[in-house]
Protein backbone atom coordinates (compact mmCIF):
# COMPACT_ATOMS: atom_id res chain seq x y z
CA MET A 1 23.88 14.99 -0.31
CA THR A 2 21.00 16.60 1.82
CA SER A 3 20.18 19.93 0.89
CA THR A 4 19.22 22.77 3.75
CA THR A 5 17.07 24.96 1.52
CA PRO A 6 13.68 25.20 2.50
CA THR A 7 10.68 23.55 0.68
CA PRO A 8 8.90 26.78 -1.15
CA ALA A 9 5.83 27.67 0.79
CA LYS A 10 3.20 26.43 -1.71
CA GLY A 11 0.37 24.16 -2.06
CA PRO A 12 -2.12 23.91 0.98
CA GLY A 13 -2.13 26.00 4.08
CA PHE A 14 -1.42 24.12 7.65
CA ALA A 15 -4.82 22.96 8.44
CA GLU A 16 -5.61 21.42 4.78
CA PHE A 17 -1.99 19.76 4.86
CA VAL A 18 -2.89 18.19 8.62
CA CYS A 19 -6.25 16.87 6.87
CA LEU A 20 -4.60 15.62 3.82
CA ILE A 21 -1.97 13.77 5.82
CA ALA A 22 -4.59 12.54 8.34
CA ILE A 23 -6.78 11.08 5.55
CA MET A 24 -3.79 9.56 3.74
CA MET A 25 -3.28 7.58 6.96
CA ALA A 26 -6.67 6.70 7.59
CA LEU A 27 -6.99 4.49 4.27
CA ASN A 28 -5.59 1.93 5.98
CA ALA A 29 -7.27 1.82 9.05
CA LEU A 30 -10.45 2.14 7.22
CA ALA A 31 -9.56 -0.67 5.02
CA ILE A 32 -8.92 -3.05 7.97
CA ASP A 33 -11.40 -2.35 10.56
CA ALA A 34 -14.52 -1.58 8.06
CA MET A 35 -14.34 -5.31 7.03
CA LEU A 36 -14.86 -6.83 10.52
CA PRO A 37 -19.19 -6.96 10.33
CA ALA A 38 -18.90 -8.11 6.85
CA LEU A 39 -16.96 -11.19 7.54
CA PRO A 40 -19.69 -13.56 7.94
CA ALA A 41 -21.44 -12.24 5.11
CA ILE A 42 -18.30 -12.79 3.09
CA GLY A 43 -18.17 -16.34 4.27
CA ALA A 44 -21.63 -17.22 3.80
CA ASP A 45 -21.50 -15.81 -0.11
CA LEU A 46 -18.51 -17.26 -0.86
CA GLY A 47 -18.77 -20.70 0.78
CA VAL A 48 -16.10 -20.38 3.34
CA VAL A 49 -16.99 -23.12 5.70
CA ASN A 50 -14.51 -23.01 8.13
CA GLU A 51 -15.05 -19.48 10.21
CA ASN A 52 -11.44 -19.18 11.07
CA THR A 53 -10.59 -19.15 7.50
CA ARG A 54 -12.46 -15.77 6.81
CA GLN A 55 -9.82 -14.52 8.89
CA TRP A 56 -7.35 -14.42 5.65
CA VAL A 57 -9.74 -11.50 4.51
CA ILE A 58 -7.36 -9.28 7.13
CA THR A 59 -4.21 -11.23 7.19
CA ALA A 60 -3.67 -10.84 3.32
CA TYR A 61 -4.25 -7.44 3.31
CA LEU A 62 -1.72 -7.11 6.28
CA LEU A 63 0.75 -9.08 4.39
CA GLY A 64 0.60 -7.08 1.20
CA PHE A 65 0.92 -3.98 3.23
CA GLY A 66 3.99 -5.42 5.31
CA VAL A 67 5.87 -6.52 2.09
CA ALA A 68 5.53 -3.40 0.01
CA GLN A 69 6.76 -0.98 2.47
CA LEU A 70 10.42 -2.17 1.36
CA ALA A 71 10.01 -0.79 -2.18
CA TYR A 72 8.14 2.74 -1.35
CA GLY A 73 10.82 4.38 0.65
CA PRO A 74 13.80 3.96 -1.83
CA LEU A 75 11.28 4.59 -4.92
CA SER A 76 9.78 7.88 -3.39
CA ASP A 77 13.67 9.00 -2.74
CA ARG A 78 14.35 8.54 -6.59
CA PHE A 79 11.47 9.48 -8.18
CA GLY A 80 9.72 11.66 -5.61
CA ARG A 81 6.63 11.52 -3.27
CA LYS A 82 3.72 12.67 -5.34
CA PRO A 83 4.17 10.14 -8.27
CA ILE A 84 4.81 7.12 -6.01
CA LEU A 85 1.78 8.12 -3.94
CA MET A 86 -0.46 8.51 -6.87
CA VAL A 87 0.45 5.24 -7.93
CA GLY A 88 0.12 3.68 -4.55
CA ILE A 89 -3.34 4.87 -3.92
CA GLY A 90 -4.24 4.12 -7.79
CA ILE A 91 -3.26 0.51 -6.82
CA TYR A 92 -5.47 0.66 -3.91
CA VAL A 93 -8.41 1.58 -5.80
CA ALA A 94 -8.04 -0.63 -8.58
CA PHE A 95 -8.09 -3.64 -6.48
CA SER A 96 -11.13 -2.37 -4.16
CA VAL A 97 -12.71 -2.54 -7.33
CA VAL A 98 -11.49 -6.04 -8.19
CA ALA A 99 -12.55 -7.07 -4.68
CA ALA A 100 -15.97 -5.80 -5.51
CA PHE A 101 -16.33 -7.99 -8.44
CA SER A 102 -14.95 -11.37 -6.64
CA HIS A 103 -17.14 -14.04 -7.13
CA THR A 104 -14.64 -16.42 -5.21
CA PHE A 105 -12.44 -16.31 -1.74
CA ALA A 106 -9.15 -16.91 -3.73
CA VAL A 107 -10.11 -13.87 -5.83
CA LEU A 108 -10.97 -11.60 -2.71
CA LEU A 109 -7.81 -12.62 -1.28
CA LEU A 110 -5.84 -11.50 -4.02
CA ALA A 111 -7.59 -8.52 -4.40
CA ARG A 112 -6.86 -7.85 -0.41
CA VAL A 113 -3.16 -8.43 -1.17
CA GLY A 114 -2.93 -5.97 -4.03
CA MET A 115 -4.96 -3.51 -1.88
CA GLY A 116 -2.47 -3.70 0.84
CA ILE A 117 0.36 -3.17 -1.46
CA GLY A 118 -1.15 -0.45 -2.90
CA VAL A 119 -1.89 1.62 0.42
CA ALA A 120 1.51 0.64 1.88
CA ALA A 121 2.53 3.74 0.27
CA THR A 122 0.38 6.02 2.69
CA ARG A 123 2.41 4.49 5.54
CA VAL A 124 5.68 5.22 4.41
CA LEU A 125 4.94 8.71 2.60
CA ALA A 126 3.26 10.57 5.30
CA VAL A 127 6.07 10.59 7.55
CA SER A 128 8.43 11.58 4.51
CA ILE A 129 6.20 14.44 3.35
CA VAL A 130 5.54 16.05 6.61
CA ARG A 131 9.72 15.98 6.91
CA ASP A 132 9.93 17.35 3.94
CA ARG A 133 7.71 20.47 4.53
CA TYR A 134 8.31 20.89 8.30
CA GLU A 135 11.06 20.43 11.01
CA GLY A 136 11.43 20.73 14.65
CA ARG A 137 8.31 21.42 16.56
CA THR A 138 6.11 22.43 13.49
CA MET A 139 6.70 18.91 12.29
CA ALA A 140 5.90 17.04 15.46
CA ARG A 141 2.61 19.73 15.62
CA VAL A 142 1.53 18.37 12.37
CA MET A 143 1.96 14.51 13.07
CA SER A 144 0.22 14.95 16.59
CA LEU A 145 -2.70 16.69 14.61
CA SER A 146 -2.54 14.15 11.98
CA PHE A 147 -2.41 11.39 14.57
CA LEU A 148 -5.42 12.90 16.44
CA VAL A 149 -7.71 12.59 13.18
CA PHE A 150 -6.35 9.22 12.31
CA LEU A 151 -7.00 7.79 15.82
CA GLY A 152 -10.60 8.44 14.99
CA ILE A 153 -10.76 6.10 12.10
CA PRO A 154 -10.59 2.61 14.25
CA ILE A 155 -13.31 3.82 16.31
CA ILE A 156 -16.02 4.76 13.75
CA ALA A 157 -14.93 2.23 10.95
CA PRO A 158 -16.63 -0.81 11.73
CA THR A 159 -19.84 1.24 12.21
CA VAL A 160 -19.27 2.29 8.29
CA GLY A 161 -19.04 -1.22 7.37
CA GLN A 162 -22.09 -2.12 9.48
CA LEU A 163 -24.01 1.07 8.08
CA VAL A 164 -23.15 0.02 4.25
CA LEU A 165 -24.31 -3.66 5.20
CA LEU A 166 -27.86 -2.12 6.23
CA VAL A 167 -28.18 -0.89 2.96
CA GLY A 168 -26.36 -3.32 0.57
CA PRO A 169 -24.44 -6.16 0.13
CA TRP A 170 -20.76 -6.62 1.40
CA GLN A 171 -19.27 -5.58 -1.83
CA TRP A 172 -20.56 -2.25 -1.18
CA ILE A 173 -17.89 -1.79 1.31
CA PHE A 174 -15.38 -2.07 -1.27
CA TRP A 175 -17.05 0.59 -3.45
CA VAL A 176 -16.95 2.78 -0.41
CA PHE A 177 -13.04 2.06 -0.16
CA ALA A 178 -12.71 2.94 -3.77
CA LEU A 179 -15.02 5.95 -3.68
CA PHE A 180 -12.72 7.54 -0.68
CA GLY A 181 -9.54 6.57 -2.42
CA THR A 182 -10.18 8.20 -5.53
CA SER A 183 -11.60 11.03 -3.53
CA PHE A 184 -8.18 11.53 -1.87
CA MET A 185 -6.24 10.86 -5.11
CA VAL A 186 -7.90 13.56 -6.62
CA TRP A 187 -7.75 16.12 -3.81
CA ALA A 188 -3.91 15.30 -3.58
CA ALA A 189 -3.68 15.52 -7.21
CA ILE A 190 -4.63 19.10 -7.16
CA ARG A 191 -3.30 20.58 -3.96
CA LEU A 192 -0.47 18.47 -2.83
CA PRO A 193 2.95 19.59 -4.56
CA GLU A 194 5.93 17.74 -4.50
CA THR A 195 7.83 17.82 -1.26
CA LEU A 196 11.07 16.28 -2.11
CA HIS A 197 13.90 18.89 -3.20
CA PRO A 198 15.63 17.97 -6.27
CA ASP A 199 19.02 17.89 -4.54
CA ASP A 200 17.63 15.35 -2.37
CA ARG A 201 16.54 12.49 -4.81
CA ARG A 202 18.78 9.67 -4.43
CA GLU A 203 19.72 6.63 -6.61
CA ILE A 204 18.16 3.29 -5.96
CA ARG A 205 21.11 1.09 -4.68
CA PHE A 206 20.57 -2.37 -2.83
CA ALA A 207 23.32 -1.88 -0.46
CA PRO A 208 21.55 1.05 1.79
CA ILE A 209 18.69 -1.40 1.71
CA ALA A 210 20.71 -4.26 2.82
CA GLN A 211 22.66 -2.45 5.67
CA ALA A 212 19.34 -0.87 7.03
CA PHE A 213 17.78 -4.61 7.28
CA ARG A 214 20.66 -5.73 8.76
CA TYR A 215 20.92 -3.11 11.22
CA ALA A 216 17.38 -3.06 12.17
CA LEU A 217 17.55 -6.69 12.81
CA THR A 218 20.72 -6.77 14.99
CA ASN A 219 20.42 -3.08 16.97
CA ARG A 220 19.27 -3.95 20.74
CA GLN A 221 16.32 -1.99 20.42
CA ALA A 222 12.62 -2.07 20.88
CA MET A 223 11.33 -2.71 17.46
CA LEU A 224 11.48 -6.70 17.98
CA ALA A 225 9.39 -6.28 20.90
CA MET A 226 6.88 -3.61 19.12
CA THR A 227 6.40 -6.81 16.66
CA PHE A 228 5.20 -9.21 19.45
CA VAL A 229 2.88 -6.11 20.94
CA ILE A 230 1.33 -5.83 17.44
CA GLY A 231 0.68 -9.41 17.17
CA GLY A 232 -1.46 -9.25 19.93
CA LEU A 233 -3.24 -6.09 18.62
CA PHE A 234 -3.66 -8.18 15.15
CA GLY A 235 -4.86 -11.00 17.10
CA PHE A 236 -7.88 -9.12 18.65
CA ILE A 237 -8.76 -7.47 15.20
CA ASN A 238 -8.78 -11.08 13.73
CA SER A 239 -10.66 -12.46 16.54
CA SER A 240 -12.80 -9.84 17.69
CA GLN A 241 -16.02 -10.01 15.17
CA GLN A 242 -16.01 -14.25 16.24
CA ILE A 243 -16.07 -13.38 19.99
CA PHE A 244 -18.79 -10.99 19.77
CA PHE A 245 -20.90 -12.83 17.33
CA ASP A 246 -20.51 -16.49 18.66
CA VAL A 247 -19.11 -16.21 22.19
CA PHE A 248 -21.17 -13.78 23.70
CA GLU A 249 -23.78 -13.60 20.84
CA GLN A 250 -24.22 -9.69 21.24
CA PRO A 251 -23.69 -8.76 17.42
CA GLN A 252 -25.44 -5.81 18.03
CA LEU A 253 -22.85 -4.57 20.33
CA PHE A 254 -19.88 -5.26 18.33
CA THR A 255 -19.09 -2.03 16.84
CA ILE A 256 -20.17 0.01 19.84
CA VAL A 257 -17.95 -2.10 22.05
CA PHE A 258 -15.36 -2.20 19.45
CA ALA A 259 -15.36 1.86 19.35
CA LEU A 260 -15.11 2.10 22.83
CA VAL A 261 -12.11 -0.37 23.09
CA ALA A 262 -10.17 1.99 20.28
CA CYS A 263 -10.99 4.97 22.22
CA GLY A 264 -8.32 3.37 24.97
CA ILE A 265 -5.62 3.76 22.15
CA ALA A 266 -6.65 7.53 21.63
CA VAL A 267 -6.60 8.72 24.86
CA SER A 268 -3.36 7.17 25.91
CA SER A 269 -1.94 8.38 22.87
CA LEU A 270 -2.99 12.02 23.59
CA LEU A 271 -1.98 11.47 27.10
CA ASN A 272 1.38 10.24 25.77
CA SER A 273 1.95 13.23 23.55
CA GLN A 274 1.53 15.44 26.88
CA LEU A 275 3.85 13.44 29.14
CA VAL A 276 6.63 12.02 26.99
CA GLU A 277 9.11 15.42 26.94
CA ARG A 278 8.60 15.45 30.88
CA LEU A 279 8.93 11.73 31.68
CA GLY A 280 10.74 10.21 28.62
CA SER A 281 10.07 7.31 26.24
CA ARG A 282 11.50 4.48 28.53
CA LEU A 283 9.69 5.19 31.88
CA ILE A 284 6.12 5.56 29.92
CA SER A 285 6.58 2.68 27.67
CA HIS A 286 8.17 0.20 30.19
CA SER A 287 5.53 1.03 32.55
CA ALA A 288 2.67 0.77 30.01
CA LEU A 289 4.37 -2.34 28.90
CA ILE A 290 4.10 -4.09 32.62
CA GLY A 291 0.41 -2.80 33.04
CA PHE A 292 0.03 -4.34 29.66
CA ILE A 293 1.24 -7.69 30.83
CA VAL A 294 -0.70 -7.45 34.16
CA PHE A 295 -4.18 -6.79 32.36
CA SER A 296 -3.26 -9.41 30.16
CA ILE A 297 -2.73 -12.21 32.72
CA ILE A 298 -5.59 -11.17 34.68
CA HIS A 299 -7.78 -11.58 31.63
CA ALA A 300 -6.21 -15.05 30.78
CA VAL A 301 -6.72 -16.11 34.33
CA ILE A 302 -10.58 -14.94 33.91
CA ALA A 303 -11.14 -16.78 30.47
CA LEU A 304 -9.41 -19.74 31.72
CA SER A 305 -11.90 -19.95 34.87
CA GLY A 306 -14.91 -19.91 32.43
CA HIS A 307 -16.16 -16.18 33.96
CA ASP A 308 -15.26 -14.12 31.24
CA ASN A 309 -18.25 -12.38 29.76
CA ILE A 310 -19.12 -9.23 27.72
CA TRP A 311 -18.15 -6.71 30.45
CA THR A 312 -14.94 -8.37 31.99
CA PHE A 313 -13.97 -8.86 28.09
CA SER A 314 -14.74 -5.23 27.23
CA ILE A 315 -13.27 -3.25 30.14
CA LEU A 316 -10.17 -5.45 30.03
CA GLN A 317 -9.70 -5.17 26.78
CA GLY A 318 -9.96 -1.35 26.67
CA CYS A 319 -7.40 -1.36 29.53
CA LYS A 320 -4.94 -3.38 27.37
CA MET A 321 -5.37 -1.04 24.53
CA PHE A 322 -4.87 1.91 26.75
CA CYS A 323 -1.35 0.52 27.59
CA PHE A 324 -0.83 -0.29 23.89
CA GLY A 325 -1.31 3.21 22.88
CA LEU A 326 1.77 4.29 25.60
CA VAL A 327 3.93 1.12 24.22
CA ALA A 328 3.37 1.78 20.44
CA GLY A 329 4.39 5.22 19.56
CA ASN A 330 7.50 5.32 22.24
CA PHE A 331 8.86 1.86 21.13
CA GLY A 332 8.63 3.39 17.37
CA SER A 333 10.61 6.27 18.12
CA MET A 334 12.97 4.49 20.30
CA ALA A 335 13.51 1.90 17.75
CA MET A 336 14.31 4.89 15.14
CA GLU A 337 16.90 6.51 17.41
CA PRO A 338 20.06 4.92 16.14
CA MET A 339 19.02 5.12 12.56
CA GLY A 340 18.46 9.12 11.84
CA HIS A 341 21.02 8.60 8.98
CA ILE A 342 18.86 6.01 7.14
CA ALA A 343 15.51 6.99 8.34
CA GLY A 344 13.66 6.73 5.18
CA THR A 345 14.91 3.27 4.40
CA ALA A 346 14.77 2.31 7.92
CA SER A 347 11.54 3.09 8.64
CA SER A 348 10.19 0.66 5.40
CA VAL A 349 12.37 -2.11 6.77
CA GLN A 350 10.92 -1.62 10.42
CA GLY A 351 7.46 -1.28 9.02
CA PHE A 352 8.16 -4.47 7.05
CA ILE A 353 9.30 -6.54 9.89
CA SER A 354 6.91 -5.43 12.50
CA THR A 355 3.72 -5.55 9.99
CA ILE A 356 4.89 -9.20 8.84
CA GLY A 357 5.68 -10.33 12.07
CA GLY A 358 3.02 -9.04 14.02
CA ALA A 359 0.12 -10.31 11.01
CA GLY A 360 1.94 -13.57 11.42
CA LEU A 361 1.42 -13.83 15.51
CA GLY A 362 -2.19 -12.31 15.16
CA PHE A 363 -3.02 -14.88 12.37
CA PHE A 364 -1.91 -17.75 14.67
CA ILE A 365 -4.29 -16.19 17.51
CA GLY A 366 -6.97 -15.85 15.43
CA GLN A 367 -6.87 -19.66 13.90
CA SER A 368 -6.72 -20.57 17.41
CA PHE A 369 -9.95 -19.44 18.08
CA ASP A 370 -12.44 -22.04 19.67
CA ARG A 371 -15.41 -20.21 20.50
CA THR A 372 -14.19 -18.91 23.70
CA THR A 373 -11.93 -16.17 24.55
CA VAL A 374 -8.89 -18.24 25.91
CA PRO A 375 -6.61 -18.13 22.81
CA LEU A 376 -7.27 -14.54 22.68
CA THR A 377 -6.54 -13.56 26.37
CA LEU A 378 -3.49 -16.58 26.41
CA GLY A 379 -1.79 -14.84 23.51
CA PHE A 380 -1.73 -11.32 24.77
CA ALA A 381 -0.42 -12.77 28.18
CA ILE A 382 2.42 -14.62 26.16
CA LEU A 383 3.13 -12.27 23.57
CA SER A 384 3.34 -9.43 26.01
CA SER A 385 5.80 -11.09 28.26
CA VAL A 386 8.14 -12.08 25.52
CA ALA A 387 7.85 -8.55 24.37
CA LEU A 388 9.23 -7.77 28.13
CA LEU A 389 11.84 -10.34 27.65
CA LEU A 390 13.35 -8.61 24.33
CA VAL A 391 12.93 -5.18 26.07
CA LEU A 392 15.23 -6.33 29.18
CA TRP A 393 17.59 -8.07 26.41
CA ALA A 394 17.73 -4.72 24.58
CA GLU A 395 18.07 -2.30 27.23
CA ARG A 396 20.63 -5.12 28.91
CA GLY A 397 18.54 -5.62 32.05
CA ARG A 398 17.74 -2.06 32.60
CA LEU A 399 14.11 -0.73 32.42
CA PHE A 400 12.56 2.92 32.71
CA LYS A 401 15.86 4.51 32.00
CA ALA A 402 17.94 5.36 28.76
CA ARG A 403 21.50 3.54 28.72
CA HIS A 404 24.53 4.72 27.02
CA SER A 405 24.83 2.83 23.71
CA HIS A 406 28.55 2.47 22.24
CA GLN A 407 26.86 0.78 19.17
CA GLN A 408 28.03 2.50 16.24
CA PRO A 409 25.32 2.97 13.27
CA VAL A 410 25.97 1.63 9.75
CA THR A 411 27.31 3.90 6.85
């Protein structure tokens, strides 16, 4: 049963609520990108001989983050949003402390998995909490404003990590994570009310989860293509520090260029919010995916010819991330179109598939690093091309315009 009774107006006002959701979303991005400048120090301190092995610090976190999303949707539908959010953030803080005390690489990786498991609650609950409290255009406004704040985190996170390293060892970065998470948990505990209406609580049953999983895997939509596009992004995150330190030998430019590349996603996301209602998700995302492929192929050709440098890399990578921003949001909404009746569980399932699949593809790209930009640029070209083939399959060969689907949703 779905209640139509509006949630009582209590708790934070509009501006504070937007900030709460934005910070909730930002915990994940900070835990990934702030680690990048510290990877050489971690490798040296914990005796990691193979430089590519350091990438497990990122991938271990993503694996925990991806798998745990399956649990948080059903748990929050049963026990409420706030208690599950508090448990998730508590796990994130606890394992951040464990990571700060890690004396072996194995313990650090286990701690990173734990951090990912904890913060996965924020990915699932952010949208659920907004949906509980607002609807229609107000909900869209909250999500847009929250996402605007969230987009700033990948821009500044590597700089945060670099600034911490200027005054202390890499372990201090995890103390920053713990402090940030604890501060948010206290803020949310005091100011964020329970948003799930008592009549909307559901029992935990395996059948709806299995149905959502089956439907997410079999419906001909954009989710599988999104997994390959995200794989390229994770490949960039895994390889970026080594490229700037070892290939271009410009470590001092790493945080600056990373921020500029991340700006490409921010700008395109803002542009998409202005254009999507007028032009439609398919026209924008399909056009952007083709642009993504073109820039990826050009970059791969330059890298294979041995002429890639810090300027060609930065400019072309920024162009690819601009296209990524136009693809990502639209593919996500398109994949959810036929699953409104199981939106919460479907969101968890899709987050699991895209994160785990993307992490695996990105890790393969990262492990192929050979002190050139060839593996990364080829990875982008191949994965984006596969994504286009999947889109053509999903849309039955028709790009740019929606097709009428006769597929019936699961019940």
